[in-house]
Amino acid sequence: MNKIHSKIEKAVGGRIEGPYLPQSATLLYIFHVDKYERLNEAGRIFYAEVSKQKLPFVPNTYEVAVTPKEFFG
């Protein structure tokens, strides 16, 4: 996972925190990116790499957080 996350960070910028071990899921990673488009790009890279390496990861949920300035304009 660290190799995949390094590849994502190089491709789209930002940073990835984790893994965390929440009660509601097996693993939690937090992706920090500057634009929504980058989050989508990070997800596409993640799925491609996980599939290529045949890792048993399936996202449970996605949550998106924005700053008040981003939300209200």
C-alpha atoms as a PDB file:
ATOM      1  CA  MET A   1       0.000   0.000   0.000  1.00  0.00           C
ATOM      2  CA  ASN A   2       2.855   2.391   0.733  1.00  0.00           C
ATOM      3  CA  LYS A   3       4.188   1.933  -2.818  1.00  0.00           C
ATOM      4  CA  ILE A   4       0.742   2.581  -4.278  1.00  0.00           C
ATOM      5  CA  HIS A   5       0.276   5.670  -2.136  1.00  0.00           C
ATOM      6  CA  SER A   6       3.710   7.015  -3.099  1.00  0.00           C
ATOM      7  CA  LYS A   7       2.755   6.610  -6.753  1.00  0.00           C
ATOM      8  CA  ILE A   8      -0.512   8.483  -6.167  1.00  0.00           C
ATOM      9  CA  GLU A   9       1.224  11.317  -4.299  1.00  0.00           C
ATOM     10  CA  LYS A  10       3.747  11.739  -7.134  1.00  0.00           C
ATOM     11  CA  ALA A  11       1.025  11.716  -9.797  1.00  0.00           C
ATOM     12  CA  VAL A  12      -1.555  14.042  -8.239  1.00  0.00           C
ATOM     13  CA  GLY A  13       0.261  15.881  -5.458  1.00  0.00           C
ATOM     14  CA  GLY A  14      -1.128  16.176  -1.975  1.00  0.00           C
ATOM     15  CA  ARG A  15      -0.485  13.642   0.737  1.00  0.00           C
ATOM     16  CA  ILE A  16      -1.987  10.498   2.188  1.00  0.00           C
ATOM     17  CA  GLU A  17      -2.309   9.775   5.906  1.00  0.00           C
ATOM     18  CA  GLY A  18      -2.784   6.358   7.416  1.00  0.00           C
ATOM     19  CA  PRO A  19      -3.381   3.593   7.850  1.00  0.00           C
ATOM     20  CA  TYR A  20      -5.762   4.154  10.720  1.00  0.00           C
ATOM     21  CA  LEU A  21      -7.748   1.334  12.282  1.00  0.00           C
ATOM     22  CA  PRO A  22     -11.292   2.666  12.862  1.00  0.00           C
ATOM     23  CA  GLN A  23     -14.066   0.640  14.450  1.00  0.00           C
ATOM     24  CA  SER A  24     -16.300   0.905  11.384  1.00  0.00           C
ATOM     25  CA  ALA A  25     -13.829  -0.456   8.793  1.00  0.00           C
ATOM     26  CA  THR A  26     -10.677  -2.495   8.472  1.00  0.00           C
ATOM     27  CA  LEU A  27      -8.433   0.367   7.329  1.00  0.00           C
ATOM     28  CA  LEU A  28      -8.786   4.112   6.879  1.00  0.00           C
ATOM     29  CA  TYR A  29      -6.615   6.335   4.699  1.00  0.00           C
ATOM     30  CA  ILE A  30      -7.049  10.101   4.383  1.00  0.00           C
ATOM     31  CA  PHE A  31      -6.189  11.714   1.040  1.00  0.00           C
ATOM     32  CA  HIS A  32      -5.409  15.456   1.102  1.00  0.00           C
ATOM     33  CA  VAL A  33      -5.561  17.064  -2.351  1.00  0.00           C
ATOM     34  CA  ASP A  34      -6.055  20.615  -3.624  1.00  0.00           C
ATOM     35  CA  LYS A  35      -8.923  19.999  -6.055  1.00  0.00           C
ATOM     36  CA  TYR A  36     -11.788  17.517  -6.379  1.00  0.00           C
ATOM     37  CA  GLU A  37     -10.435  16.409  -9.760  1.00  0.00           C
ATOM     38  CA  ARG A  38      -7.258  15.241  -8.045  1.00  0.00           C
ATOM     39  CA  LEU A  39      -9.277  13.059  -5.680  1.00  0.00           C
ATOM     40  CA  ASN A  40     -10.935  11.329  -8.628  1.00  0.00           C
ATOM     41  CA  GLU A  41      -7.558  10.854 -10.306  1.00  0.00           C
ATOM     42  CA  ALA A  42      -6.116   9.409  -7.080  1.00  0.00           C
ATOM     43  CA  GLY A  43      -9.000   6.922  -6.919  1.00  0.00           C
ATOM     44  CA  ARG A  44      -8.439   5.776 -10.491  1.00  0.00           C
ATOM     45  CA  ILE A  45      -4.727   5.204  -9.828  1.00  0.00           C
ATOM     46  CA  PHE A  46      -5.565   3.372  -6.588  1.00  0.00           C
ATOM     47  CA  TYR A  47      -8.023   0.984  -8.287  1.00  0.00           C
ATOM     48  CA  ALA A  48      -5.659   0.300 -11.183  1.00  0.00           C
ATOM     49  CA  GLU A  49      -2.739  -0.506  -8.897  1.00  0.00           C
ATOM     50  CA  VAL A  50      -4.747  -2.623  -6.452  1.00  0.00           C
ATOM     51  CA  SER A  51      -6.208  -4.606  -9.359  1.00  0.00           C
ATOM     52  CA  LYS A  52      -2.827  -5.026 -11.031  1.00  0.00           C
ATOM     53  CA  GLN A  53      -1.295  -6.382  -7.822  1.00  0.00           C
ATOM     54  CA  LYS A  54      -4.425  -8.423  -6.969  1.00  0.00           C
ATOM     55  CA  LEU A  55      -4.705  -6.967  -3.467  1.00  0.00           C
ATOM     56  CA  PRO A  56      -7.942  -7.733  -1.582  1.00  0.00           C
ATOM     57  CA  PHE A  57      -8.960  -4.110  -0.910  1.00  0.00           C
ATOM     58  CA  VAL A  58     -12.514  -2.922  -1.487  1.00  0.00           C
ATOM     59  CA  PRO A  59     -13.556   0.591  -0.418  1.00  0.00           C
ATOM     60  CA  ASN A  60     -16.326   0.611   2.155  1.00  0.00           C
ATOM     61  CA  THR A  61     -17.310   4.278   1.931  1.00  0.00           C
ATOM     62  CA  TYR A  62     -15.997   7.597   0.695  1.00  0.00           C
ATOM     63  CA  GLU A  63     -16.344  10.842   2.589  1.00  0.00           C
ATOM     64  CA  VAL A  64     -15.391  14.231   1.202  1.00  0.00           C
ATOM     65  CA  ALA A  65     -14.602  17.192   3.440  1.00  0.00           C
ATOM     66  CA  VAL A  66     -14.179  20.774   2.281  1.00  0.00           C
ATOM     67  CA  THR A  67     -13.330  24.066   3.939  1.00  0.00           C
ATOM     68  CA  PRO A  68     -16.122  26.599   4.588  1.00  0.00           C
ATOM     69  CA  LYS A  69     -14.646  28.813   1.842  1.00  0.00           C
ATOM     70  CA  GLU A  70     -14.833  25.939  -0.663  1.00  0.00           C
ATOM     71  CA  PHE A  71     -18.391  25.094   0.374  1.00  0.00           C
ATOM     72  CA  PHE A  72     -19.864  28.599   0.432  1.00  0.00           C
ATOM     73  CA  GLY A  73     -17.764  30.035  -2.413  1.00  0.00           C
END
